[in-house]
C-alpha cells in the first residue's frame, strides 16, 4: 500500500466524525475551487498552493490547529502579509459559511394532509315498473307498501316470589314421630349422664413436732488420785524390819 492511498483512508476515517456540512464541503468541488481562486489571488507558486491546500485540509479535519495552519504557510515561504490575507479569506469564505450551516436548523418534514374519508354510499330503492291498463294510456300507480305497524309492547310476565321457610332445628334426642311424644335417648347415653362433682378435700393441718428440750451438760470430774502408801519407815535410810 503506497503512502497516498493510506493518507486517503485516514482522511475518510477522520471525515466520518465531522458534522454533515463539513463533510459535504470536503467531498464537493467547492473546496478545490476556493483553493484555486485564493492561490491565484495571492500569486502563490505551485508548491506554495499545494502546501496551502494540504494545511487547509488538515485544519478542516481537526489535525491542525489555527496556529499550526499559520506555521505551515510560513514554512512554505509566504510573507506575513500574504499569510494574514489568506487567513482572512479562509475565515470569510469557508469557516463562517460552515458555522452558519451548522447553526441553521434542519428542515422539518412537511406534514402530509390526512386522506379524506370515502364518500358515503347513498342507497336509492328501485321503483316498481308502472303498468298500463289495456285500452288506456294512463299508467297504473304502483301499489304502496303497507304501513309499518309498530309492535305493541308486551307487559313482562308476573314472576312469583317464593319465600322459603327457615329450617326448623330440633333439640337432641327429638324423633320425627312427635305425635306420641316418645323420647328416644341418643346413641351414647353416657354423654347425657351427669358428671359427679368432685368434693374438695379439706386441707390437713400440718402436725407440729415438739423439738426436744436440750439437757444441761454434766461436767465430768476426773477421779480422785489414789493415795501412795509408804512402804518405808520414817528413816529413809533404814530398811524396814519385818
Protein backbone atom coordinates (compact mmCIF):
# COMPACT_ATOMS: atom_id res chain seq x y z
CA UNK A 1 0.00 0.00 0.00
CA UNK A 2 1.51 3.33 -1.09
CA UNK A 3 1.54 6.44 1.08
CA UNK A 4 -1.09 8.33 -0.92
CA UNK A 5 -3.65 5.54 -0.53
CA UNK A 6 -3.00 5.35 3.22
CA UNK A 7 -3.48 9.12 3.55
CA UNK A 8 -6.75 8.84 1.64
CA UNK A 9 -8.03 6.14 4.03
CA UNK A 10 -7.03 8.23 7.06
CA UNK A 11 -8.87 11.22 5.63
CA UNK A 12 -12.04 9.15 5.13
CA UNK A 13 -11.80 7.87 8.71
CA UNK A 14 -11.49 11.41 10.10
CA UNK A 15 -14.31 12.69 7.92
CA UNK A 16 -16.78 10.18 9.37
CA UNK A 17 -16.72 12.00 12.73
CA UNK A 18 -17.22 15.54 11.35
CA UNK A 19 -20.51 17.45 11.10
CA UNK A 20 -22.51 16.93 7.94
CA UNK A 21 -21.84 20.43 6.44
CA UNK A 22 -18.06 19.94 6.79
CA UNK A 23 -18.23 16.50 5.17
CA UNK A 24 -20.19 17.88 2.23
CA UNK A 25 -17.65 20.71 1.80
CA UNK A 26 -14.71 18.28 1.81
CA UNK A 27 -16.34 15.86 -0.63
CA UNK A 28 -17.57 18.55 -3.04
CA UNK A 29 -15.80 20.55 -5.71
CA UNK A 30 -16.24 23.85 -3.88
CA UNK A 31 -13.13 23.33 -1.74
CA UNK A 32 -10.85 22.88 -4.75
CA UNK A 33 -12.39 25.92 -6.46
CA UNK A 34 -11.81 28.17 -3.42
CA UNK A 35 -8.20 26.99 -3.05
CA UNK A 36 -7.53 27.65 -6.72
CA UNK A 37 -9.07 31.13 -6.61
CA UNK A 38 -7.17 32.16 -3.46
CA UNK A 39 -3.89 30.83 -4.85
CA UNK A 40 -4.34 32.96 -7.95
CA UNK A 41 -5.44 35.98 -5.92
CA UNK A 42 -2.33 35.97 -3.74
CA UNK A 43 0.07 34.88 -6.51
CA UNK A 44 1.14 31.58 -4.92
CA UNK A 45 3.56 29.29 -6.68
CA UNK A 46 2.57 25.70 -7.42
CA UNK A 47 4.43 24.36 -4.39
CA UNK A 48 3.02 27.08 -2.15
CA UNK A 49 -0.51 26.39 -3.44
CA UNK A 50 -0.06 22.67 -2.67
CA UNK A 51 1.10 23.40 0.89
CA UNK A 52 -1.78 25.82 1.35
CA UNK A 53 -4.35 23.19 0.21
CA UNK A 54 -2.84 20.48 2.44
CA UNK A 55 -2.72 22.74 5.53
CA UNK A 56 -6.32 23.82 4.92
CA UNK A 57 -7.43 20.18 4.60
CA UNK A 58 -5.70 19.19 7.86
CA UNK A 59 -7.26 22.13 9.68
CA UNK A 60 -10.74 21.16 8.44
CA UNK A 61 -10.17 17.56 9.58
CA UNK A 62 -9.11 18.75 13.04
CA UNK A 63 -5.50 17.54 12.91
CA UNK A 64 -4.12 21.09 12.56
CA UNK A 65 -4.88 23.94 14.93
CA UNK A 66 -5.09 27.53 13.56
CA UNK A 67 -1.57 28.20 14.83
CA UNK A 68 -0.22 25.12 13.05
CA UNK A 69 -2.01 26.24 9.87
CA UNK A 70 -0.23 29.63 10.03
CA UNK A 71 3.12 27.96 10.74
CA UNK A 72 2.68 25.67 7.72
CA UNK A 73 2.06 28.70 5.49
CA UNK A 74 5.18 30.40 6.88
CA UNK A 75 7.27 27.29 6.19
CA UNK A 76 6.03 27.36 2.59
CA UNK A 77 7.85 30.71 2.14
CA UNK A 78 4.87 33.07 2.37
CA UNK A 79 5.32 36.51 3.91
CA UNK A 80 3.36 37.61 6.93
CA UNK A 81 1.19 39.92 4.86
CA UNK A 82 0.23 37.11 2.49
CA UNK A 83 -0.40 34.75 5.41
CA UNK A 84 -2.69 37.27 7.13
CA UNK A 85 -4.58 37.89 3.88
CA UNK A 86 -5.03 34.14 3.31
CA UNK A 87 -6.29 33.65 6.88
CA UNK A 88 -8.82 36.45 6.44
CA UNK A 89 -10.11 34.98 3.16
CA UNK A 90 -10.31 31.46 4.60
CA UNK A 91 -12.35 32.74 7.56
CA UNK A 92 -14.83 34.67 5.43
CA UNK A 93 -15.24 32.20 2.55
CA UNK A 94 -15.03 28.86 4.38
CA UNK A 95 -15.34 28.85 8.17
CA UNK A 96 -18.06 31.47 8.56
CA UNK A 97 -20.18 29.73 5.94
CA UNK A 98 -19.70 26.35 7.63
CA UNK A 99 -20.60 27.86 11.02
CA UNK A 100 -23.83 29.32 9.64
CA UNK A 101 -24.70 25.99 8.03
CA UNK A 102 -24.20 24.13 11.32
CA UNK A 103 -26.36 26.61 13.27
CA UNK A 104 -29.13 26.51 10.70
CA UNK A 105 -31.95 24.29 11.96
CA UNK A 106 -32.65 21.19 9.98
CA UNK A 107 -35.71 21.49 7.74
CA UNK A 108 -38.77 19.89 9.20
CA UNK A 109 -40.52 17.34 7.00
CA UNK A 110 -43.73 18.67 5.54
CA UNK A 111 -46.79 17.16 7.12
CA UNK A 112 -48.90 15.40 4.56
CA UNK A 113 -52.63 16.09 4.83
CA UNK A 114 -54.69 13.23 6.07
CA UNK A 115 -56.62 11.44 3.35
CA UNK A 116 -60.29 12.32 3.13
CA UNK A 117 -62.76 9.66 4.23
CA UNK A 118 -64.51 7.79 1.42
CA UNK A 119 -67.89 9.24 0.41
CA UNK A 120 -70.95 7.76 2.00
CA UNK A 121 -72.85 5.30 -0.15
CA UNK A 122 -76.37 6.51 -0.83
CA UNK A 123 -78.98 3.83 -1.41
CA UNK A 124 -81.84 4.62 -3.75
CA UNK A 125 -84.55 1.94 -3.81
CA UNK A 126 -85.69 0.82 -7.20
CA UNK A 127 -89.13 1.95 -8.28
CA UNK A 128 -91.61 -0.69 -9.38
CA UNK A 129 -92.34 -0.56 -13.11
CA UNK A 130 -95.57 1.21 -13.93
CA UNK A 131 -98.19 -0.89 -15.68
CA UNK A 132 -100.65 0.48 -18.26
CA UNK A 133 -104.28 -0.57 -18.34
CA UNK A 134 -105.31 -2.14 -21.59
CA UNK A 135 -107.05 0.35 -23.85
CA UNK A 136 -105.75 3.38 -21.90
CA UNK A 137 -102.53 5.34 -21.84
CA UNK A 138 -102.64 6.21 -18.15
CA UNK A 139 -100.19 4.26 -16.08
CA UNK A 140 -101.43 2.38 -13.09
CA UNK A 141 -99.68 3.62 -9.96
CA UNK A 142 -97.53 1.10 -8.21
CA UNK A 143 -99.05 -0.29 -5.05
CA UNK A 144 -97.80 1.40 -1.93
CA UNK A 145 -96.20 -0.80 0.66
CA UNK A 146 -98.32 -1.38 3.74
CA UNK A 147 -97.59 0.97 6.61
CA UNK A 148 -95.24 -0.31 9.17
CA UNK A 149 -97.02 -1.46 12.29
CA UNK A 150 -95.25 -0.73 15.49
CA UNK A 151 -95.16 -3.74 17.77
CA UNK A 152 -97.29 -3.41 20.87
CA UNK A 153 -95.08 -3.55 23.94
CA UNK A 154 -95.75 -6.65 25.95
CA UNK A 155 -96.03 -6.39 29.67
CA UNK A 156 -93.48 -8.55 31.43
CA UNK A 157 -94.85 -11.78 32.82
CA UNK A 158 -95.54 -11.73 36.51
CA UNK A 159 -93.00 -13.59 38.48
CA UNK A 160 -93.96 -15.35 41.65
CA UNK A 161 -91.59 -14.88 44.51
CA UNK A 162 -91.43 -17.86 46.79
CA UNK A 163 -90.32 -17.36 50.34
CA UNK A 164 -88.66 -20.37 51.79
CA UNK A 165 -89.30 -21.01 55.43
CA UNK A 166 -86.19 -21.24 57.54
CA UNK A 167 -85.26 -24.78 58.53
CA UNK A 168 -86.57 -25.87 61.93
CA UNK A 169 -83.94 -27.08 64.33
CA UNK A 170 -84.89 -29.73 66.88
CA UNK A 171 -83.17 -30.49 70.17
CA UNK A 172 -81.01 -33.54 70.50
CA UNK A 173 -82.97 -36.72 71.07
CA UNK A 174 -86.10 -35.49 69.28
CA UNK A 175 -87.74 -38.00 66.89
CA UNK A 176 -89.94 -37.17 63.91
CA UNK A 177 -92.77 -39.17 65.43
CA UNK A 178 -93.52 -36.27 67.73
CA UNK A 179 -97.26 -37.13 67.83
CA UNK A 180 -96.71 -39.79 70.52
CA UNK A 181 -94.14 -37.63 72.32
CA UNK A 182 -91.74 -40.51 72.80
CA UNK A 183 -88.31 -39.51 73.92
CA UNK A 184 -85.59 -41.55 72.32
CA UNK A 185 -82.23 -41.34 74.01
CA UNK A 186 -79.22 -40.75 71.88
CA UNK A 187 -76.82 -43.48 70.87
CA UNK A 188 -74.39 -42.58 73.62
CA UNK A 189 -76.24 -42.44 76.93
CA UNK A 190 -73.05 -41.79 78.77
CA UNK A 191 -72.88 -38.42 77.11
CA UNK A 192 -76.05 -37.31 78.96
CA UNK A 193 -75.24 -38.76 82.39
CA UNK A 194 -74.42 -36.14 84.96
CA UNK A 195 -70.82 -35.92 85.87
CA UNK A 196 -70.35 -36.30 89.62
CA UNK A 197 -68.94 -33.24 91.14
CA UNK A 198 -65.72 -33.73 92.98
CA UNK A 199 -65.97 -32.52 96.59
CA UNK A 200 -62.87 -30.63 97.55
CA UNK A 201 -60.92 -32.25 100.37
CA UNK A 202 -60.34 -30.11 103.41
CA UNK A 203 -56.71 -29.22 103.78
CA UNK A 204 -54.90 -31.13 106.54
CA UNK A 205 -53.21 -29.16 109.22
CA UNK A 206 -49.51 -29.86 109.46
CA UNK A 207 -48.54 -31.71 112.66
CA UNK A 208 -46.06 -29.78 114.64
CA UNK A 209 -43.37 -31.91 116.23
CA UNK A 210 -42.06 -30.69 119.54
CA UNK A 211 -38.38 -30.22 119.47
CA UNK A 212 -36.51 -31.99 122.36
CA UNK A 213 -35.56 -29.77 125.25
CA UNK A 214 -31.81 -29.51 125.41
CA UNK A 215 -30.40 -31.17 128.54
CA UNK A 216 -27.70 -29.46 130.62
CA UNK A 217 -24.24 -30.76 130.01
CA UNK A 218 -22.92 -32.58 133.05
CA UNK A 219 -19.37 -31.78 133.95
CA UNK A 220 -17.32 -34.95 134.27
CA UNK A 221 -14.88 -34.66 137.12
CA UNK A 222 -11.62 -36.56 136.97
CA UNK A 223 -11.29 -39.44 139.50
CA UNK A 224 -9.64 -38.67 142.79
CA UNK A 225 -5.96 -39.58 142.93
CA UNK A 226 -5.10 -42.82 144.72
CA UNK A 227 -3.02 -42.17 147.87
CA UNK A 228 0.50 -43.52 147.78
CA UNK A 229 1.20 -45.94 150.56
CA UNK A 230 4.56 -45.58 152.24
CA UNK A 231 6.47 -48.86 152.43
CA UNK A 232 9.43 -47.47 154.27
CA UNK A 233 9.99 -46.25 157.82
CA UNK A 234 10.48 -42.80 158.95
CA UNK A 235 14.12 -43.11 158.28
CA UNK A 236 14.58 -43.44 154.64
CA UNK A 237 17.94 -45.00 155.06
CA UNK A 238 16.72 -47.68 157.43
CA UNK A 239 15.24 -50.73 155.99
CA UNK A 240 12.06 -51.79 157.50
CA UNK A 241 12.11 -54.67 159.99
CA UNK A 242 9.87 -57.46 159.04
